[in-house]
Amino acid sequence: MIICVTSQGTNLDSEIDPRFGRCAYFLFINPETMEFEAMKNESAAASGGAGAKAGQLLADKNVEALLTGNVGPNAFEALHAADIKIYTGVNGKVKDVVNQFINNAFSATDQPTTG
């Protein structure tokens, strides 16, 4: 399983970035091994469509779950279409959030959290 966590930095000690489409980095993490890949969000500076582009990136990476602060309607639709479970309202350090995810501390979101 691969999960994606929106991050302000490039390692597991980084803080969660509360934005999905315009987050600074995506961390693609195997929660069983904690192996990860950090990727700069190239869509962050886009004038429009950042959420949909980011959603497509996650689909291309075969992500099964997203942990982030908020997700807008276009991103939600792209993620939902790719069968990616969306967990919003998360905050703190990436490694702590992943551990909470492993322990089933979050419920998947069934709607966008921003307009």
PDB file of N, CA and C in Angstrom:
ATOM      1  N   MET A   1       0.844  -1.186   0.000  1.00  0.00           N
ATOM      2  CA  MET A   1       0.000   0.000   0.000  1.00  0.00           C
ATOM      3  C   MET A   1       0.884   1.242   0.000  1.00  0.00           C
ATOM      4  N   ILE A   2       0.487   2.212  -0.785  1.00  0.00           N
ATOM      5  CA  ILE A   2       1.165   3.506  -0.803  1.00  0.00           C
ATOM      6  C   ILE A   2       0.147   4.563  -0.385  1.00  0.00           C
ATOM      7  N   ILE A   3       0.552   5.399   0.577  1.00  0.00           N
ATOM      8  CA  ILE A   3      -0.280   6.529   0.965  1.00  0.00           C
ATOM      9  C   ILE A   3       0.471   7.810   0.610  1.00  0.00           C
ATOM     10  N   CYS A   4      -0.270   8.882   0.472  1.00  0.00           N
ATOM     11  CA  CYS A   4       0.332  10.183   0.209  1.00  0.00           C
ATOM     12  C   CYS A   4      -0.036  11.116   1.351  1.00  0.00           C
ATOM     13  N   VAL A   5       0.962  11.841   1.832  1.00  0.00           N
ATOM     14  CA  VAL A   5       0.750  12.834   2.876  1.00  0.00           C
ATOM     15  C   VAL A   5       1.246  14.173   2.342  1.00  0.00           C
ATOM     16  N   THR A   6       0.428  15.218   2.458  1.00  0.00           N
ATOM     17  CA  THR A   6       0.865  16.549   2.041  1.00  0.00           C
ATOM     18  C   THR A   6       1.775  17.108   3.126  1.00  0.00           C
ATOM     19  N   SER A   7       2.907  17.668   2.705  1.00  0.00           N
ATOM     20  CA  SER A   7       3.935  18.042   3.663  1.00  0.00           C
ATOM     21  C   SER A   7       4.544  19.403   3.340  1.00  0.00           C
ATOM     22  N   GLN A   8       5.018  20.062   4.400  1.00  0.00           N
ATOM     23  CA  GLN A   8       5.733  21.323   4.219  1.00  0.00           C
ATOM     24  C   GLN A   8       7.217  21.087   3.947  1.00  0.00           C
ATOM     25  N   GLY A   9       7.685  19.866   4.124  1.00  0.00           N
ATOM     26  CA  GLY A   9       9.099  19.540   3.919  1.00  0.00           C
ATOM     27  C   GLY A   9       9.267  18.178   3.290  1.00  0.00           C
ATOM     28  N   THR A  10      10.514  17.721   3.248  1.00  0.00           N
ATOM     29  CA  THR A  10      10.842  16.514   2.484  1.00  0.00           C
ATOM     30  C   THR A  10      11.128  15.282   3.331  1.00  0.00           C
ATOM     31  N   ASN A  11      10.795  15.320   4.629  1.00  0.00           N
ATOM     32  CA  ASN A  11      11.067  14.136   5.444  1.00  0.00           C
ATOM     33  C   ASN A  11       9.924  13.874   6.418  1.00  0.00           C
ATOM     34  N   LEU A  12      10.013  12.756   7.122  1.00  0.00           N
ATOM     35  CA  LEU A  12       8.936  12.317   8.007  1.00  0.00           C
ATOM     36  C   LEU A  12       8.766  13.201   9.239  1.00  0.00           C
ATOM     37  N   ASP A  13       9.765  14.030   9.544  1.00  0.00           N
ATOM     38  CA  ASP A  13       9.661  14.966  10.661  1.00  0.00           C
ATOM     39  C   ASP A  13       9.040  16.300  10.251  1.00  0.00           C
ATOM     40  N   SER A  14       8.712  16.446   8.985  1.00  0.00           N
ATOM     41  CA  SER A  14       8.099  17.680   8.482  1.00  0.00           C
ATOM     42  C   SER A  14       6.667  17.797   8.975  1.00  0.00           C
ATOM     43  N   GLU A  15       6.179  19.022   9.000  1.00  0.00           N
ATOM     44  CA  GLU A  15       4.791  19.279   9.370  1.00  0.00           C
ATOM     45  C   GLU A  15       3.878  19.026   8.165  1.00  0.00           C
ATOM     46  N   ILE A  16       2.652  18.617   8.461  1.00  0.00           N
ATOM     47  CA  ILE A  16       1.641  18.448   7.427  1.00  0.00           C
ATOM     48  C   ILE A  16       1.378  19.800   6.774  1.00  0.00           C
ATOM     49  N   ASP A  17       1.245  19.795   5.462  1.00  0.00           N
ATOM     50  CA  ASP A  17       0.788  20.997   4.757  1.00  0.00           C
ATOM     51  C   ASP A  17      -0.725  20.863   4.658  1.00  0.00           C
ATOM     52  N   PRO A  18      -1.492  21.829   5.165  1.00  0.00           N
ATOM     53  CA  PRO A  18      -2.943  21.682   5.184  1.00  0.00           C
ATOM     54  C   PRO A  18      -3.604  21.781   3.808  1.00  0.00           C
ATOM     55  N   ARG A  19      -2.859  22.197   2.805  1.00  0.00           N
ATOM     56  CA  ARG A  19      -3.418  22.339   1.452  1.00  0.00           C
ATOM     57  C   ARG A  19      -3.088  21.084   0.648  1.00  0.00           C
ATOM     58  N   PHE A  20      -4.013  20.637  -0.172  1.00  0.00           N
ATOM     59  CA  PHE A  20      -3.716  19.502  -1.036  1.00  0.00           C
ATOM     60  C   PHE A  20      -3.123  19.975  -2.359  1.00  0.00           C
ATOM     61  N   GLY A  21      -3.915  20.634  -3.177  1.00  0.00           N
ATOM     62  CA  GLY A  21      -3.473  21.016  -4.521  1.00  0.00           C
ATOM     63  C   GLY A  21      -2.295  21.976  -4.542  1.00  0.00           C
ATOM     64  N   ARG A  22      -2.130  22.736  -3.502  1.00  0.00           N
ATOM     65  CA  ARG A  22      -1.047  23.717  -3.452  1.00  0.00           C
ATOM     66  C   ARG A  22      -0.061  23.450  -2.311  1.00  0.00           C
ATOM     67  N   CYS A  23      -0.002  22.202  -1.857  1.00  0.00           N
ATOM     68  CA  CYS A  23       0.976  21.854  -0.817  1.00  0.00           C
ATOM     69  C   CYS A  23       2.395  21.999  -1.371  1.00  0.00           C
ATOM     70  N   ALA A  24       3.359  22.106  -0.491  1.00  0.00           N
ATOM     71  CA  ALA A  24       4.751  22.239  -0.924  1.00  0.00           C
ATOM     72  C   ALA A  24       5.292  20.913  -1.476  1.00  0.00           C
ATOM     73  N   TYR A  25       5.021  19.821  -0.763  1.00  0.00           N
ATOM     74  CA  TYR A  25       5.546  18.509  -1.145  1.00  0.00           C
ATOM     75  C   TYR A  25       4.500  17.427  -0.937  1.00  0.00           C
ATOM     76  N   PHE A  26       4.648  16.360  -1.715  1.00  0.00           N
ATOM     77  CA  PHE A  26       3.918  15.122  -1.480  1.00  0.00           C
ATOM     78  C   PHE A  26       4.925  14.113  -0.956  1.00  0.00           C
ATOM     79  N   LEU A  27       4.576  13.409   0.097  1.00  0.00           N
ATOM     80  CA  LEU A  27       5.389  12.292   0.569  1.00  0.00           C
ATOM     81  C   LEU A  27       4.603  11.026   0.282  1.00  0.00           C
ATOM     82  N   PHE A  28       5.172  10.169  -0.545  1.00  0.00           N
ATOM     83  CA  PHE A  28       4.567   8.888  -0.886  1.00  0.00           C
ATOM     84  C   PHE A  28       5.202   7.860   0.040  1.00  0.00           C
ATOM     85  N   ILE A  29       4.379   7.255   0.892  1.00  0.00           N
ATOM     86  CA  ILE A  29       4.896   6.455   1.995  1.00  0.00           C
ATOM     87  C   ILE A  29       4.294   5.051   1.986  1.00  0.00           C
ATOM     88  N   ASN A  30       5.143   4.062   2.237  1.00  0.00           N
ATOM     89  CA  ASN A  30       4.680   2.712   2.518  1.00  0.00           C
ATOM     90  C   ASN A  30       4.529   2.646   4.035  1.00  0.00           C
ATOM     91  N   PRO A  31       3.300   2.621   4.574  1.00  0.00           N
ATOM     92  CA  PRO A  31       3.128   2.693   6.020  1.00  0.00           C
ATOM     93  C   PRO A  31       3.646   1.463   6.765  1.00  0.00           C
ATOM     94  N   GLU A  32       3.840   0.357   6.067  1.00  0.00           N
ATOM     95  CA  GLU A  32       4.353  -0.852   6.722  1.00  0.00           C
ATOM     96  C   GLU A  32       5.847  -0.749   6.993  1.00  0.00           C
ATOM     97  N   THR A  33       6.571  -0.089   6.098  1.00  0.00           N
ATOM     98  CA  THR A  33       8.039  -0.010   6.231  1.00  0.00           C
ATOM     99  C   THR A  33       8.523   1.399   6.544  1.00  0.00           C
ATOM    100  N   MET A  34       7.649   2.379   6.363  1.00  0.00           N
ATOM    101  CA  MET A  34       7.967   3.807   6.502  1.00  0.00           C
ATOM    102  C   MET A  34       8.968   4.284   5.441  1.00  0.00           C
ATOM    103  N   GLU A  35       9.201   3.484   4.409  1.00  0.00           N
ATOM    104  CA  GLU A  35       9.998   3.960   3.269  1.00  0.00           C
ATOM    105  C   GLU A  35       9.154   5.003   2.549  1.00  0.00           C
ATOM    106  N   PHE A  36       9.822   6.057   2.047  1.00  0.00           N
ATOM    107  CA  PHE A  36       9.066   7.123   1.411  1.00  0.00           C
ATOM    108  C   PHE A  36       9.858   7.773   0.286  1.00  0.00           C
ATOM    109  N   GLU A  37       9.103   8.472  -0.547  1.00  0.00           N
ATOM    110  CA  GLU A  37       9.660   9.301  -1.620  1.00  0.00           C
ATOM    111  C   GLU A  37       9.028  10.680  -1.467  1.00  0.00           C
ATOM    112  N   ALA A  38       9.859  11.721  -1.438  1.00  0.00           N
ATOM    113  CA  ALA A  38       9.366  13.097  -1.381  1.00  0.00           C
ATOM    114  C   ALA A  38       9.380  13.677  -2.786  1.00  0.00           C
ATOM    115  N   MET A  39       8.315  14.378  -3.142  1.00  0.00           N
ATOM    116  CA  MET A  39       8.223  14.994  -4.458  1.00  0.00           C
ATOM    117  C   MET A  39       7.681  16.413  -4.319  1.00  0.00           C
ATOM    118  N   LYS A  40       8.412  17.362  -4.886  1.00  0.00           N
ATOM    119  CA  LYS A  40       7.945  18.750  -4.899  1.00  0.00           C
ATOM    120  C   LYS A  40       6.651  18.817  -5.710  1.00  0.00           C
ATOM    121  N   ASN A  41       5.690  19.574  -5.242  1.00  0.00           N
ATOM    122  CA  ASN A  41       4.413  19.725  -5.937  1.00  0.00           C
ATOM    123  C   ASN A  41       4.570  20.763  -7.037  1.00  0.00           C
ATOM    124  N   GLU A  42       4.729  20.302  -8.240  1.00  0.00           N
ATOM    125  CA  GLU A  42       4.919  21.198  -9.385  1.00  0.00           C
ATOM    126  C   GLU A  42       3.644  21.965  -9.725  1.00  0.00           C
ATOM    127  N   SER A  43       2.497  21.509  -9.244  1.00  0.00           N
ATOM    128  CA  SER A  43       1.226  22.178  -9.534  1.00  0.00           C
ATOM    129  C   SER A  43       0.931  23.317  -8.570  1.00  0.00           C
ATOM    130  N   ALA A  44       1.722  23.466  -7.519  1.00  0.00           N
ATOM    131  CA  ALA A  44       1.444  24.452  -6.475  1.00  0.00           C
ATOM    132  C   ALA A  44       1.332  25.872  -7.017  1.00  0.00           C
ATOM    133  N   ALA A  45       2.114  26.206  -8.023  1.00  0.00           N
ATOM    134  CA  ALA A  45       2.120  27.566  -8.559  1.00  0.00           C
ATOM    135  C   ALA A  45       1.200  27.734  -9.767  1.00  0.00           C
ATOM    136  N   ALA A  46       0.460  26.699 -10.137  1.00  0.00           N
ATOM    137  CA  ALA A  46      -0.426  26.779 -11.305  1.00  0.00           C
ATOM    138  C   ALA A  46      -1.501  27.831 -11.073  1.00  0.00           C
ATOM    139  N   SER A  47      -1.895  28.501 -12.135  1.00  0.00           N
ATOM    140  CA  SER A  47      -2.920  29.536 -12.001  1.00  0.00           C
ATOM    141  C   SER A  47      -4.297  28.924 -11.768  1.00  0.00           C
ATOM    142  N   GLY A  48      -4.478  27.695 -12.146  1.00  0.00           N
ATOM    143  CA  GLY A  48      -5.751  27.013 -11.942  1.00  0.00           C
ATOM    144  C   GLY A  48      -5.591  25.525 -12.146  1.00  0.00           C
ATOM    145  N   GLY A  49      -6.497  24.750 -11.591  1.00  0.00           N
ATOM    146  CA  GLY A  49      -6.484  23.308 -11.787  1.00  0.00           C
ATOM    147  C   GLY A  49      -5.444  22.553 -10.979  1.00  0.00           C
ATOM    148  N   ALA A  50      -4.880  23.193  -9.950  1.00  0.00           N
ATOM    149  CA  ALA A  50      -3.826  22.537  -9.164  1.00  0.00           C
ATOM    150  C   ALA A  50      -4.331  21.265  -8.501  1.00  0.00           C
ATOM    151  N   GLY A  51      -5.539  21.288  -7.964  1.00  0.00           N
ATOM    152  CA  GLY A  51      -6.078  20.123  -7.275  1.00  0.00           C
ATOM    153  C   GLY A  51      -6.307  18.950  -8.207  1.00  0.00           C
ATOM    154  N   ALA A  52      -6.863  19.225  -9.377  1.00  0.00           N
ATOM    155  CA  ALA A  52      -7.107  18.156 -10.346  1.00  0.00           C
ATOM    156  C   ALA A  52      -5.793  17.562 -10.846  1.00  0.00           C
ATOM    157  N   LYS A  53      -4.797  18.415 -11.101  1.00  0.00           N
ATOM    158  CA  LYS A  53      -3.483  17.923 -11.538  1.00  0.00           C
ATOM    159  C   LYS A  53      -2.826  17.081 -10.452  1.00  0.00           C
ATOM    160  N   ALA A  54      -2.919  17.537  -9.217  1.00  0.00           N
ATOM    161  CA  ALA A  54      -2.347  16.786  -8.104  1.00  0.00           C
ATOM    162  C   ALA A  54      -3.067  15.454  -7.936  1.00  0.00           C
ATOM    163  N   GLY A  55      -4.375  15.458  -8.107  1.00  0.00           N
ATOM    164  CA  GLY A  55      -5.137  14.211  -8.024  1.00  0.00           C
ATOM    165  C   GLY A  55      -4.702  13.210  -9.069  1.00  0.00           C
ATOM    166  N   GLN A  56      -4.430  13.692 -10.284  1.00  0.00           N
ATOM    167  CA  GLN A  56      -3.959  12.807 -11.352  1.00  0.00           C
ATOM    168  C   GLN A  56      -2.586  12.233 -11.020  1.00  0.00           C
ATOM    169  N   LEU A  57      -1.721  13.048 -10.430  1.00  0.00           N
ATOM    170  CA  LEU A  57      -0.397  12.576 -10.018  1.00  0.00           C
ATOM    171  C   LEU A  57      -0.530  11.416  -9.031  1.00  0.00           C
ATOM    172  N   LEU A  58      -1.413  11.567  -8.047  1.00  0.00           N
ATOM    173  CA  LEU A  58      -1.606  10.505  -7.064  1.00  0.00           C
ATOM    174  C   LEU A  58      -2.145   9.236  -7.714  1.00  0.00           C
ATOM    175  N   ALA A  59      -3.048   9.394  -8.659  1.00  0.00           N
ATOM    176  CA  ALA A  59      -3.573   8.232  -9.385  1.00  0.00           C
ATOM    177  C   ALA A  59      -2.452   7.539 -10.156  1.00  0.00           C
ATOM    178  N   ASP A  60      -1.593   8.329 -10.807  1.00  0.00           N
ATOM    179  CA  ASP A  60      -0.472   7.767 -11.566  1.00  0.00           C
ATOM    180  C   ASP A  60       0.513   7.027 -10.670  1.00  0.00           C
ATOM    181  N   LYS A  61       0.607   7.434  -9.403  1.00  0.00           N
ATOM    182  CA  LYS A  61       1.529   6.811  -8.433  1.00  0.00           C
ATOM    183  C   LYS A  61       0.875   5.630  -7.702  1.00  0.00           C
ATOM    184  N   ASN A  62      -0.351   5.287  -8.086  1.00  0.00           N
ATOM    185  CA  ASN A  62      -1.084   4.175  -7.469  1.00  0.00           C
ATOM    186  C   ASN A  62      -1.297   4.352  -5.972  1.00  0.00           C
ATOM    187  N   VAL A  63      -1.545   5.584  -5.566  1.00  0.00           N
ATOM    188  CA  VAL A  63      -1.814   5.892  -4.162  1.00  0.00           C
ATOM    189  C   VAL A  63      -3.192   5.351  -3.793  1.00  0.00           C
ATOM    190  N   GLU A  64      -3.289   4.773  -2.598  1.00  0.00           N
ATOM    191  CA  GLU A  64      -4.570   4.239  -2.125  1.00  0.00           C
ATOM    192  C   GLU A  64      -5.252   5.157  -1.127  1.00  0.00           C
ATOM    193  N   ALA A  65      -4.471   6.027  -0.459  1.00  0.00           N
ATOM    194  CA  ALA A  65      -5.055   6.926   0.539  1.00  0.00           C
ATOM    195  C   ALA A  65      -4.268   8.227   0.583  1.00  0.00           C
ATOM    196  N   LEU A  66      -4.990   9.329   0.809  1.00  0.00           N
ATOM    197  CA  LEU A  66      -4.403  10.660   0.942  1.00  0.00           C
ATOM    198  C   LEU A  66      -4.695  11.180   2.343  1.00  0.00           C
ATOM    199  N   LEU A  67      -3.660  11.703   3.007  1.00  0.00           N
ATOM    200  CA  LEU A  67      -3.820  12.354   4.301  1.00  0.00           C
ATOM    201  C   LEU A  67      -3.419  13.810   4.132  1.00  0.00           C
ATOM    202  N   THR A  68      -4.359  14.722   4.411  1.00  0.00           N
ATOM    203  CA  THR A  68      -4.125  16.143   4.192  1.00  0.00           C
ATOM    204  C   THR A  68      -5.021  16.961   5.117  1.00  0.00           C
ATOM    205  N   GLY A  69      -4.864  18.263   5.055  1.00  0.00           N
ATOM    206  CA  GLY A  69      -5.719  19.144   5.845  1.00  0.00           C
ATOM    207  C   GLY A  69      -7.068  19.355   5.189  1.00  0.00           C
ATOM    208  N   ASN A  70      -7.041  19.825   3.949  1.00  0.00           N
ATOM    209  CA  ASN A  70      -8.269  20.139   3.216  1.00  0.00           C
ATOM    210  C   ASN A  70      -8.145  19.715   1.765  1.00  0.00           C
ATOM    211  N   VAL A  71      -9.293  19.484   1.149  1.00  0.00           N
ATOM    212  CA  VAL A  71      -9.330  19.154  -0.275  1.00  0.00           C
ATOM    213  C   VAL A  71     -10.546  19.853  -0.892  1.00  0.00           C
ATOM    214  N   GLY A  72     -10.305  20.494  -2.036  1.00  0.00           N
ATOM    215  CA  GLY A  72     -11.368  21.217  -2.728  1.00  0.00           C
ATOM    216  C   GLY A  72     -12.188  20.306  -3.626  1.00  0.00           C
ATOM    217  N   PRO A  73     -13.253  20.858  -4.223  1.00  0.00           N
ATOM    218  CA  PRO A  73     -14.179  20.039  -5.016  1.00  0.00           C
ATOM    219  C   PRO A  73     -13.567  19.398  -6.255  1.00  0.00           C
ATOM    220  N   ASN A  74     -12.727  20.110  -7.000  1.00  0.00           N
ATOM    221  CA  ASN A  74     -12.129  19.520  -8.201  1.00  0.00           C
ATOM    222  C   ASN A  74     -11.152  18.407  -7.838  1.00  0.00           C
ATOM    223  N   ALA A  75     -10.357  18.650  -6.819  1.00  0.00           N
ATOM    224  CA  ALA A  75      -9.425  17.619  -6.360  1.00  0.00           C
ATOM    225  C   ALA A  75     -10.203  16.423  -5.821  1.00  0.00           C
ATOM    226  N   PHE A  76     -11.257  16.687  -5.064  1.00  0.00           N
ATOM    227  CA  PHE A  76     -12.063  15.601  -4.515  1.00  0.00           C
ATOM    228  C   PHE A  76     -12.588  14.708  -5.634  1.00  0.00           C
ATOM    229  N   GLU A  77     -13.114  15.320  -6.685  1.00  0.00           N
ATOM    230  CA  GLU A  77     -13.655  14.541  -7.810  1.00  0.00           C
ATOM    231  C   GLU A  77     -12.570  13.692  -8.470  1.00  0.00           C
ATOM    232  N   ALA A  78     -11.386  14.285  -8.685  1.00  0.00           N
ATOM    233  CA  ALA A  78     -10.291  13.539  -9.319  1.00  0.00           C
ATOM    234  C   ALA A  78      -9.844  12.370  -8.444  1.00  0.00           C
ATOM    235  N   LEU A  79      -9.733  12.607  -7.149  1.00  0.00           N
ATOM    236  CA  LEU A  79      -9.309  11.554  -6.222  1.00  0.00           C
ATOM    237  C   LEU A  79     -10.375  10.474  -6.102  1.00  0.00           C
ATOM    238  N   HIS A  80     -11.624  10.902  -6.005  1.00  0.00           N
ATOM    239  CA  HIS A  80     -12.731   9.960  -5.887  1.00  0.00           C
ATOM    240  C   HIS A  80     -12.810   9.069  -7.133  1.00  0.00           C
ATOM    241  N   ALA A  81     -12.639   9.655  -8.301  1.00  0.00           N
ATOM    242  CA  ALA A  81     -12.680   8.895  -9.561  1.00  0.00           C
ATOM    243  C   ALA A  81     -11.564   7.857  -9.623  1.00  0.00           C
ATOM    244  N   ALA A  82     -10.448   8.128  -8.949  1.00  0.00           N
ATOM    245  CA  ALA A  82      -9.313   7.200  -8.935  1.00  0.00           C
ATOM    246  C   ALA A  82      -9.390   6.213  -7.755  1.00  0.00           C
ATOM    247  N   ASP A  83     -10.507   6.228  -7.023  1.00  0.00           N
ATOM    248  CA  ASP A  83     -10.713   5.341  -5.865  1.00  0.00           C
ATOM    249  C   ASP A  83      -9.656   5.525  -4.780  1.00  0.00           C
ATOM    250  N   ILE A  84      -9.228   6.774  -4.598  1.00  0.00           N
ATOM    251  CA  ILE A  84      -8.277   7.090  -3.535  1.00  0.00           C
ATOM    252  C   ILE A  84      -9.077   7.553  -2.321  1.00  0.00           C
ATOM    253  N   LYS A  85      -8.873   6.889  -1.190  1.00  0.00           N
ATOM    254  CA  LYS A  85      -9.544   7.299   0.046  1.00  0.00           C
ATOM    255  C   LYS A  85      -8.928   8.616   0.520  1.00  0.00           C
ATOM    256  N   ILE A  86      -9.765   9.535   0.973  1.00  0.00           N
ATOM    257  CA  ILE A  86      -9.332  10.876   1.352  1.00  0.00           C
ATOM    258  C   ILE A  86      -9.563  11.075   2.851  1.00  0.00           C
ATOM    259  N   TYR A  87      -8.505  11.429   3.554  1.00  0.00           N
ATOM    260  CA  TYR A  87      -8.576  11.700   4.987  1.00  0.00           C
ATOM    261  C   TYR A  87      -8.155  13.153   5.197  1.00  0.00           C
ATOM    262  N   THR A  88      -9.056  13.977   5.690  1.00  0.00           N
ATOM    263  CA  THR A  88      -8.779  15.402   5.867  1.00  0.00           C
ATOM    264  C   THR A  88      -8.768  15.756   7.355  1.00  0.00           C
ATOM    265  N   GLY A  89      -8.366  16.985   7.631  1.00  0.00           N
ATOM    266  CA  GLY A  89      -8.340  17.470   8.994  1.00  0.00           C
ATOM    267  C   GLY A  89      -7.136  16.994   9.785  1.00  0.00           C
ATOM    268  N   VAL A  90      -6.147  16.425   9.084  1.00  0.00           N
ATOM    269  CA  VAL A  90      -4.962  15.931   9.787  1.00  0.00           C
ATOM    270  C   VAL A  90      -3.965  17.072   9.974  1.00  0.00           C
ATOM    271  N   ASN A  91      -3.203  17.010  11.051  1.00  0.00           N
ATOM    272  CA  ASN A  91      -2.166  18.005  11.289  1.00  0.00           C
ATOM    273  C   ASN A  91      -1.107  17.406  12.200  1.00  0.00           C
ATOM    274  N   GLY A  92       0.029  18.082  12.278  1.00  0.00           N
ATOM    275  CA  GLY A  92       1.149  17.589  13.076  1.00  0.00           C
ATOM    276  C   GLY A  92       2.290  17.141  12.188  1.00  0.00           C
ATOM    277  N   LYS A  93       3.153  16.313  12.723  1.00  0.00           N
ATOM    278  CA  LYS A  93       4.294  15.788  11.964  1.00  0.00           C
ATOM    279  C   LYS A  93       3.841  14.602  11.105  1.00  0.00           C
ATOM    280  N   VAL A  94       4.449  14.482   9.929  1.00  0.00           N
ATOM    281  CA  VAL A  94       4.081  13.422   8.999  1.00  0.00           C
ATOM    282  C   VAL A  94       4.153  12.056   9.670  1.00  0.00           C
ATOM    283  N   LYS A  95       5.261  11.750  10.360  1.00  0.00           N
ATOM    284  CA  LYS A  95       5.410  10.405  10.945  1.00  0.00           C
ATOM    285  C   LYS A  95       4.328  10.122  11.975  1.00  0.00           C
ATOM    286  N   ASP A  96       3.913  11.132  12.737  1.00  0.00           N
ATOM    287  CA  ASP A  96       2.861  10.940  13.730  1.00  0.00           C
ATOM    288  C   ASP A  96       1.516  10.671  13.061  1.00  0.00           C
ATOM    289  N   VAL A  97       1.251  11.393  11.988  1.00  0.00           N
ATOM    290  CA  VAL A  97       0.003  11.211  11.254  1.00  0.00           C
ATOM    291  C   VAL A  97      -0.051   9.825  10.619  1.00  0.00           C
ATOM    292  N   VAL A  98       1.065   9.359  10.071  1.00  0.00           N
ATOM    293  CA  VAL A  98       1.101   8.017   9.486  1.00  0.00           C
ATOM    294  C   VAL A  98       0.827   6.969  10.566  1.00  0.00           C
ATOM    295  N   ASN A  99       1.418   7.140  11.734  1.00  0.00           N
ATOM    296  CA  ASN A  99       1.163   6.194  12.829  1.00  0.00           C
ATOM    297  C   ASN A  99      -0.301   6.220  13.251  1.00  0.00           C
ATOM    298  N   GLN A 100      -0.903   7.397  13.279  1.00  0.00           N
ATOM    299  CA  GLN A 100      -2.328   7.495  13.594  1.00  0.00           C
ATOM    300  C   GLN A 100      -3.158   6.790  12.524  1.00  0.00           C
ATOM    301  N   PHE A 101      -2.764   6.943  11.262  1.00  0.00           N
ATOM    302  CA  PHE A 101      -3.463   6.276  10.157  1.00  0.00           C
ATOM    303  C   PHE A 101      -3.376   4.759  10.328  1.00  0.00           C
ATOM    304  N   ILE A 102      -2.193   4.257  10.641  1.00  0.00           N
ATOM    305  CA  ILE A 102      -1.997   2.815  10.846  1.00  0.00           C
ATOM    306  C   ILE A 102      -2.923   2.302  11.953  1.00  0.00           C
ATOM    307  N   ASN A 103      -3.136   3.128  12.970  1.00  0.00           N
ATOM    308  CA  ASN A 103      -3.981   2.749  14.101  1.00  0.00           C
ATOM    309  C   ASN A 103      -5.455   3.123  13.911  1.00  0.00           C
ATOM    310  N   ASN A 104      -5.828   3.400  12.662  1.00  0.00           N
ATOM    311  CA  ASN A 104      -7.231   3.678  12.299  1.00  0.00           C
ATOM    312  C   ASN A 104      -7.833   4.865  13.059  1.00  0.00           C
ATOM    313  N   ALA A 105      -7.046   5.916  13.250  1.00  0.00           N
ATOM    314  CA  ALA A 105      -7.514   7.082  13.990  1.00  0.00           C
ATOM    315  C   ALA A 105      -8.354   8.035  13.138  1.00  0.00           C
ATOM    316  N   PHE A 106      -8.391   7.828  11.831  1.00  0.00           N
ATOM    317  CA  PHE A 106      -9.091   8.747  10.935  1.00  0.00           C
ATOM    318  C   PHE A 106     -10.233   8.048  10.209  1.00  0.00           C
ATOM    319  N   SER A 107     -11.226   8.836   9.826  1.00  0.00           N
ATOM    320  CA  SER A 107     -12.315   8.352   8.981  1.00  0.00           C
ATOM    321  C   SER A 107     -12.205   9.041   7.632  1.00  0.00           C
ATOM    322  N   ALA A 108     -12.463   8.298   6.582  1.00  0.00           N
ATOM    323  CA  ALA A 108     -12.393   8.858   5.234  1.00  0.00           C
ATOM    324  C   ALA A 108     -13.457   9.944   5.055  1.00  0.00           C
ATOM    325  N   THR A 109     -13.122  10.945   4.268  1.00  0.00           N
ATOM    326  CA  THR A 109     -14.009  12.063   3.960  1.00  0.00           C
ATOM    327  C   THR A 109     -14.861  11.696   2.745  1.00  0.00           C
ATOM    328  N   ASP A 110     -16.138  12.066   2.781  1.00  0.00           N
ATOM    329  CA  ASP A 110     -17.009  11.754   1.646  1.00  0.00           C
ATOM    330  C   ASP A 110     -17.453  13.004   0.888  1.00  0.00           C
ATOM    331  N   GLN A 111     -16.765  14.136   1.167  1.00  0.00           N
ATOM    332  CA  GLN A 111     -17.095  15.370   0.445  1.00  0.00           C
ATOM    333  C   GLN A 111     -15.921  16.343   0.562  1.00  0.00           C
ATOM    334  N   PRO A 112     -15.838  17.335  -0.335  1.00  0.00           N
ATOM    335  CA  PRO A 112     -14.779  18.342  -0.240  1.00  0.00           C
ATOM    336  C   PRO A 112     -14.861  19.103   1.071  1.00  0.00           C
ATOM    337  N   THR A 113     -13.736  19.626   1.526  1.00  0.00           N
ATOM    338  CA  THR A 113     -13.721  20.375   2.778  1.00  0.00           C
ATOM    339  C   THR A 113     -13.526  21.868   2.558  1.00  0.00           C
ATOM    340  N   THR A 114     -13.283  22.278   1.324  1.00  0.00           N
ATOM    341  CA  THR A 114     -13.204  23.700   0.980  1.00  0.00           C
ATOM    342  C   THR A 114     -14.035  23.922  -0.280  1.00  0.00           C
ATOM    343  N   GLY A 115     -14.433  25.178  -0.492  1.00  0.00           N
ATOM    344  CA  GLY A 115     -15.280  25.491  -1.643  1.00  0.00           C
ATOM    345  C   GLY A 115     -14.495  25.861  -2.808  1.00  0.00           C
TER     346      GLY A 115
END
